[in-house]
PDB file of N, CA and C in Angstrom:
ATOM      1  N   UNK A   1      39.430 -47.006  70.853  1.00  0.00           N
ATOM      2  CA  UNK A   1      38.282 -46.222  71.276  1.00  0.00           C
ATOM      3  C   UNK A   1      37.054 -47.119  71.255  1.00  0.00           C
ATOM      4  N   UNK A   2      36.227 -47.001  72.252  1.00  0.00           N
ATOM      5  CA  UNK A   2      35.014 -47.815  72.351  1.00  0.00           C
ATOM      6  C   UNK A   2      34.022 -47.402  71.270  1.00  0.00           C
ATOM      7  N   UNK A   3      33.181 -48.353  70.821  1.00  0.00           N
ATOM      8  CA  UNK A   3      32.165 -47.994  69.835  1.00  0.00           C
ATOM      9  C   UNK A   3      31.251 -46.910  70.386  1.00  0.00           C
ATOM     10  N   UNK A   4      30.795 -46.042  69.516  1.00  0.00           N
ATOM     11  CA  UNK A   4      29.974 -44.925  69.961  1.00  0.00           C
ATOM     12  C   UNK A   4      28.586 -45.388  70.359  1.00  0.00           C
ATOM     13  N   UNK A   5      27.890 -46.048  69.485  1.00  0.00           N
ATOM     14  CA  UNK A   5      26.548 -46.536  69.771  1.00  0.00           C
ATOM     15  C   UNK A   5      26.071 -47.271  68.538  1.00  0.00           C
ATOM     16  N   UNK A   6      25.270 -48.272  68.754  1.00  0.00           N
ATOM     17  CA  UNK A   6      24.730 -49.012  67.619  1.00  0.00           C
ATOM     18  C   UNK A   6      23.876 -48.079  66.768  1.00  0.00           C
ATOM     19  N   UNK A   7      24.071 -48.120  65.471  1.00  0.00           N
ATOM     20  CA  UNK A   7      23.272 -47.283  64.581  1.00  0.00           C
ATOM     21  C   UNK A   7      21.799 -47.631  64.652  1.00  0.00           C
ATOM     22  N   UNK A   8      21.475 -48.862  65.025  1.00  0.00           N
ATOM     23  CA  UNK A   8      20.067 -49.248  65.115  1.00  0.00           C
ATOM     24  C   UNK A   8      19.351 -48.495  66.228  1.00  0.00           C
ATOM     25  N   UNK A   9      20.090 -47.918  67.166  1.00  0.00           N
ATOM     26  CA  UNK A   9      19.479 -47.163  68.251  1.00  0.00           C
ATOM     27  C   UNK A   9      19.266 -45.699  67.919  1.00  0.00           C
ATOM     28  N   UNK A  10      19.766 -45.253  66.770  1.00  0.00           N
ATOM     29  CA  UNK A  10      19.618 -43.854  66.390  1.00  0.00           C
ATOM     30  C   UNK A  10      18.280 -43.636  65.698  1.00  0.00           C
ATOM     31  N   UNK A  11      17.668 -42.504  65.960  1.00  0.00           N
ATOM     32  CA  UNK A  11      16.402 -42.146  65.333  1.00  0.00           C
ATOM     33  C   UNK A  11      16.529 -40.756  64.717  1.00  0.00           C
ATOM     34  N   UNK A  12      15.497 -40.313  64.067  1.00  0.00           N
ATOM     35  CA  UNK A  12      15.485 -38.962  63.525  1.00  0.00           C
ATOM     36  C   UNK A  12      15.470 -37.902  64.603  1.00  0.00           C
ATOM     37  N   UNK A  13      15.207 -38.314  65.832  1.00  0.00           N
ATOM     38  CA  UNK A  13      15.174 -37.372  66.948  1.00  0.00           C
ATOM     39  C   UNK A  13      16.437 -37.429  67.801  1.00  0.00           C
ATOM     40  N   UNK A  14      17.346 -38.341  67.479  1.00  0.00           N
ATOM     41  CA  UNK A  14      18.589 -38.450  68.234  1.00  0.00           C
ATOM     42  C   UNK A  14      19.409 -37.182  68.040  1.00  0.00           C
ATOM     43  N   UNK A  15      19.800 -36.561  69.136  1.00  0.00           N
ATOM     44  CA  UNK A  15      20.610 -35.352  69.080  1.00  0.00           C
ATOM     45  C   UNK A  15      22.074 -35.745  68.872  1.00  0.00           C
ATOM     46  N   UNK A  16      22.729 -35.077  67.932  1.00  0.00           N
ATOM     47  CA  UNK A  16      24.139 -35.346  67.654  1.00  0.00           C
ATOM     48  C   UNK A  16      24.982 -34.270  68.335  1.00  0.00           C
ATOM     49  N   UNK A  17      25.852 -34.718  69.203  1.00  0.00           N
ATOM     50  CA  UNK A  17      26.779 -33.842  69.915  1.00  0.00           C
ATOM     51  C   UNK A  17      28.183 -34.255  69.508  1.00  0.00           C
ATOM     52  N   UNK A  18      29.163 -33.404  69.737  1.00  0.00           N
ATOM     53  CA  UNK A  18      30.497 -33.840  69.377  1.00  0.00           C
ATOM     54  C   UNK A  18      31.599 -32.876  69.718  1.00  0.00           C
ATOM     55  N   UNK A  19      32.778 -33.289  69.301  1.00  0.00           N
ATOM     56  CA  UNK A  19      33.993 -32.521  69.506  1.00  0.00           C
ATOM     57  C   UNK A  19      34.700 -32.409  68.160  1.00  0.00           C
ATOM     58  N   UNK A  20      35.220 -31.219  67.887  1.00  0.00           N
ATOM     59  CA  UNK A  20      35.946 -30.963  66.647  1.00  0.00           C
ATOM     60  C   UNK A  20      37.424 -30.848  66.977  1.00  0.00           C
ATOM     61  N   UNK A  21      38.260 -31.448  66.161  1.00  0.00           N
ATOM     62  CA  UNK A  21      39.698 -31.316  66.358  1.00  0.00           C
ATOM     63  C   UNK A  21      40.471 -32.078  65.308  1.00  0.00           C
ATOM     64  N   UNK A  22      41.787 -31.888  65.355  1.00  0.00           N
ATOM     65  CA  UNK A  22      42.664 -32.648  64.464  1.00  0.00           C
ATOM     66  C   UNK A  22      44.067 -32.614  65.039  1.00  0.00           C
ATOM     67  N   UNK A  23      44.611 -33.732  65.391  1.00  0.00           N
ATOM     68  CA  UNK A  23      43.980 -35.053  65.342  1.00  0.00           C
ATOM     69  C   UNK A  23      42.963 -35.191  66.466  1.00  0.00           C
ATOM     70  N   UNK A  24      42.021 -36.068  66.305  1.00  0.00           N
ATOM     71  CA  UNK A  24      40.942 -36.229  67.277  1.00  0.00           C
ATOM     72  C   UNK A  24      40.877 -37.639  67.848  1.00  0.00           C
ATOM     73  N   UNK A  25      41.552 -38.577  67.232  1.00  0.00           N
ATOM     74  CA  UNK A  25      41.451 -39.983  67.616  1.00  0.00           C
ATOM     75  C   UNK A  25      41.846 -40.223  69.076  1.00  0.00           C
ATOM     76  N   UNK A  26      42.671 -39.367  69.640  1.00  0.00           N
ATOM     77  CA  UNK A  26      43.139 -39.545  71.012  1.00  0.00           C
ATOM     78  C   UNK A  26      42.121 -39.107  72.066  1.00  0.00           C
ATOM     79  N   UNK A  27      41.081 -38.402  71.652  1.00  0.00           N
ATOM     80  CA  UNK A  27      40.126 -37.845  72.610  1.00  0.00           C
ATOM     81  C   UNK A  27      39.368 -38.934  73.363  1.00  0.00           C
ATOM     82  N   UNK A  28      39.322 -38.786  74.668  1.00  0.00           N
ATOM     83  CA  UNK A  28      38.555 -39.706  75.509  1.00  0.00           C
ATOM     84  C   UNK A  28      37.114 -39.235  75.702  1.00  0.00           C
ATOM     85  N   UNK A  29      36.805 -38.045  75.197  1.00  0.00           N
ATOM     86  CA  UNK A  29      35.460 -37.490  75.381  1.00  0.00           C
ATOM     87  C   UNK A  29      34.334 -38.363  74.837  1.00  0.00           C
ATOM     88  N   UNK A  30      34.411 -38.863  73.590  1.00  0.00           N
ATOM     89  CA  UNK A  30      33.279 -39.635  73.071  1.00  0.00           C
ATOM     90  C   UNK A  30      32.883 -40.836  73.924  1.00  0.00           C
ATOM     91  N   UNK A  31      33.806 -41.724  74.308  1.00  0.00           N
ATOM     92  CA  UNK A  31      33.350 -42.855  75.119  1.00  0.00           C
ATOM     93  C   UNK A  31      32.821 -42.431  76.489  1.00  0.00           C
ATOM     94  N   UNK A  32      33.438 -41.409  77.086  1.00  0.00           N
ATOM     95  CA  UNK A  32      32.970 -40.949  78.401  1.00  0.00           C
ATOM     96  C   UNK A  32      31.586 -40.318  78.294  1.00  0.00           C
ATOM     97  N   UNK A  33      31.408 -39.436  77.316  1.00  0.00           N
ATOM     98  CA  UNK A  33      30.119 -38.758  77.160  1.00  0.00           C
ATOM     99  C   UNK A  33      29.018 -39.740  76.764  1.00  0.00           C
ATOM    100  N   UNK A  34      29.328 -40.669  75.861  1.00  0.00           N
ATOM    101  CA  UNK A  34      28.320 -41.643  75.439  1.00  0.00           C
ATOM    102  C   UNK A  34      27.906 -42.562  76.575  1.00  0.00           C
ATOM    103  N   UNK A  35      28.841 -42.931  77.437  1.00  0.00           N
ATOM    104  CA  UNK A  35      28.494 -43.750  78.602  1.00  0.00           C
ATOM    105  C   UNK A  35      27.530 -42.991  79.507  1.00  0.00           C
ATOM    106  N   UNK A  36      27.810 -41.704  79.728  1.00  0.00           N
ATOM    107  CA  UNK A  36      26.934 -40.889  80.576  1.00  0.00           C
ATOM    108  C   UNK A  36      25.564 -40.702  79.932  1.00  0.00           C
ATOM    109  N   UNK A  37      25.531 -40.415  78.637  1.00  0.00           N
ATOM    110  CA  UNK A  37      24.253 -40.233  77.938  1.00  0.00           C
ATOM    111  C   UNK A  37      23.404 -41.494  78.007  1.00  0.00           C
ATOM    112  N   UNK A  38      24.048 -42.640  77.798  1.00  0.00           N
ATOM    113  CA  UNK A  38      23.328 -43.910  77.847  1.00  0.00           C
ATOM    114  C   UNK A  38      22.812 -44.188  79.259  1.00  0.00           C
ATOM    115  N   UNK A  39      23.650 -43.958  80.256  1.00  0.00           N
ATOM    116  CA  UNK A  39      23.259 -44.199  81.651  1.00  0.00           C
ATOM    117  C   UNK A  39      22.061 -43.337  82.044  1.00  0.00           C
ATOM    118  N   UNK A  40      22.028 -42.104  81.528  1.00  0.00           N
ATOM    119  CA  UNK A  40      20.938 -41.181  81.851  1.00  0.00           C
ATOM    120  C   UNK A  40      19.722 -41.355  80.946  1.00  0.00           C
ATOM    121  N   UNK A  41      19.826 -42.219  79.951  1.00  0.00           N
ATOM    122  CA  UNK A  41      18.704 -42.455  79.046  1.00  0.00           C
ATOM    123  C   UNK A  41      18.424 -41.293  78.109  1.00  0.00           C
ATOM    124  N   UNK A  42      19.454 -40.525  77.788  1.00  0.00           N
ATOM    125  CA  UNK A  42      19.305 -39.372  76.903  1.00  0.00           C
ATOM    126  C   UNK A  42      19.521 -39.816  75.456  1.00  0.00           C
ATOM    127  N   UNK A  43      18.590 -39.456  74.577  1.00  0.00           N
ATOM    128  CA  UNK A  43      18.650 -39.854  73.170  1.00  0.00           C
ATOM    129  C   UNK A  43      19.611 -38.948  72.409  1.00  0.00           C
ATOM    130  N   UNK A  44      20.889 -39.122  72.683  1.00  0.00           N
ATOM    131  CA  UNK A  44      21.943 -38.347  72.040  1.00  0.00           C
ATOM    132  C   UNK A  44      23.136 -39.244  71.782  1.00  0.00           C
ATOM    133  N   UNK A  45      23.966 -38.824  70.855  1.00  0.00           N
ATOM    134  CA  UNK A  45      25.215 -39.515  70.567  1.00  0.00           C
ATOM    135  C   UNK A  45      26.306 -38.449  70.453  1.00  0.00           C
ATOM    136  N   UNK A  46      27.471 -38.743  71.006  1.00  0.00           N
ATOM    137  CA  UNK A  46      28.597 -37.808  71.025  1.00  0.00           C
ATOM    138  C   UNK A  46      29.690 -38.372  70.128  1.00  0.00           C
ATOM    139  N   UNK A  47      30.033 -37.645  69.080  1.00  0.00           N
ATOM    140  CA  UNK A  47      30.968 -38.171  68.086  1.00  0.00           C
ATOM    141  C   UNK A  47      32.155 -37.232  67.874  1.00  0.00           C
ATOM    142  N   UNK A  48      33.290 -37.807  67.501  1.00  0.00           N
ATOM    143  CA  UNK A  48      34.443 -36.973  67.155  1.00  0.00           C
ATOM    144  C   UNK A  48      34.379 -36.577  65.683  1.00  0.00           C
ATOM    145  N   UNK A  49      34.621 -35.314  65.404  1.00  0.00           N
ATOM    146  CA  UNK A  49      34.676 -34.821  64.032  1.00  0.00           C
ATOM    147  C   UNK A  49      36.112 -34.404  63.742  1.00  0.00           C
ATOM    148  N   UNK A  50      36.777 -35.137  62.868  1.00  0.00           N
ATOM    149  CA  UNK A  50      38.149 -34.796  62.496  1.00  0.00           C
ATOM    150  C   UNK A  50      38.104 -33.690  61.453  1.00  0.00           C
ATOM    151  N   UNK A  51      38.541 -32.506  61.863  1.00  0.00           N
ATOM    152  CA  UNK A  51      38.492 -31.333  60.986  1.00  0.00           C
ATOM    153  C   UNK A  51      39.877 -30.686  60.967  1.00  0.00           C
ATOM    154  N   UNK A  52      40.430 -30.558  59.783  1.00  0.00           N
ATOM    155  CA  UNK A  52      41.727 -29.895  59.618  1.00  0.00           C
ATOM    156  C   UNK A  52      41.597 -28.433  60.064  1.00  0.00           C
ATOM    157  N   UNK A  53      42.650 -27.869  60.650  1.00  0.00           N
ATOM    158  CA  UNK A  53      42.578 -26.488  61.142  1.00  0.00           C
ATOM    159  C   UNK A  53      42.090 -25.474  60.104  1.00  0.00           C
ATOM    160  N   UNK A  54      42.483 -25.643  58.856  1.00  0.00           N
ATOM    161  CA  UNK A  54      42.058 -24.679  57.835  1.00  0.00           C
ATOM    162  C   UNK A  54      40.612 -24.897  57.378  1.00  0.00           C
ATOM    163  N   UNK A  55      39.922 -25.892  57.928  1.00  0.00           N
ATOM    164  CA  UNK A  55      38.538 -26.182  57.555  1.00  0.00           C
ATOM    165  C   UNK A  55      37.547 -25.966  58.702  1.00  0.00           C
ATOM    166  N   UNK A  56      38.037 -25.465  59.840  1.00  0.00           N
ATOM    167  CA  UNK A  56      37.167 -25.303  61.013  1.00  0.00           C
ATOM    168  C   UNK A  56      35.999 -24.370  60.716  1.00  0.00           C
ATOM    169  N   UNK A  57      36.275 -23.230  60.100  1.00  0.00           N
ATOM    170  CA  UNK A  57      35.201 -22.272  59.805  1.00  0.00           C
ATOM    171  C   UNK A  57      34.128 -22.907  58.924  1.00  0.00           C
ATOM    172  N   UNK A  58      34.527 -23.618  57.892  1.00  0.00           N
ATOM    173  CA  UNK A  58      33.569 -24.273  56.997  1.00  0.00           C
ATOM    174  C   UNK A  58      32.806 -25.375  57.726  1.00  0.00           C
ATOM    175  N   UNK A  59      33.490 -26.111  58.591  1.00  0.00           N
ATOM    176  CA  UNK A  59      32.828 -27.181  59.344  1.00  0.00           C
ATOM    177  C   UNK A  59      31.761 -26.614  60.275  1.00  0.00           C
ATOM    178  N   UNK A  60      32.093 -25.537  60.959  1.00  0.00           N
ATOM    179  CA  UNK A  60      31.119 -24.919  61.869  1.00  0.00           C
ATOM    180  C   UNK A  60      29.937 -24.360  61.080  1.00  0.00           C
ATOM    181  N   UNK A  61      30.197 -23.748  59.937  1.00  0.00           N
ATOM    182  CA  UNK A  61      29.103 -23.248  59.090  1.00  0.00           C
ATOM    183  C   UNK A  61      28.203 -24.401  58.660  1.00  0.00           C
ATOM    184  N   UNK A  62      28.797 -25.534  58.318  1.00  0.00           N
ATOM    185  CA  UNK A  62      28.010 -26.704  57.933  1.00  0.00           C
ATOM    186  C   UNK A  62      27.167 -27.232  59.075  1.00  0.00           C
ATOM    187  N   UNK A  63      27.738 -27.238  60.273  1.00  0.00           N
ATOM    188  CA  UNK A  63      26.973 -27.693  61.441  1.00  0.00           C
ATOM    189  C   UNK A  63      25.811 -26.754  61.731  1.00  0.00           C
ATOM    190  N   UNK A  64      26.033 -25.446  61.609  1.00  0.00           N
ATOM    191  CA  UNK A  64      24.947 -24.483  61.804  1.00  0.00           C
ATOM    192  C   UNK A  64      23.839 -24.725  60.776  1.00  0.00           C
ATOM    193  N   UNK A  65      24.223 -25.022  59.550  1.00  0.00           N
ATOM    194  CA  UNK A  65      23.235 -25.262  58.494  1.00  0.00           C
ATOM    195  C   UNK A  65      22.378 -26.485  58.797  1.00  0.00           C
ATOM    196  N   UNK A  66      22.964 -27.459  59.495  1.00  0.00           N
ATOM    197  CA  UNK A  66      22.204 -28.658  59.867  1.00  0.00           C
ATOM    198  C   UNK A  66      21.222 -28.395  61.001  1.00  0.00           C
ATOM    199  N   UNK A  67      21.446 -27.326  61.716  1.00  0.00           N
ATOM    200  CA  UNK A  67      20.555 -26.987  62.820  1.00  0.00           C
ATOM    201  C   UNK A  67      21.034 -27.538  64.104  1.00  0.00           C
TER     202      UNK A  67
END
């Protein structure tokens, strides 16, 4: 999988987008979405979140808490 983005390019205003799944390593979404975001100059990063099926509800609650 291609690197997501250099951490030095992330700011407090960088929007975090992503995909939840398990297993998630096979997903082609992060490199495709990050290439598009970078090409469009959008300050966002798209990351895979590996979440076990029995933890999905807790993971989503945690994401909501982050805003």
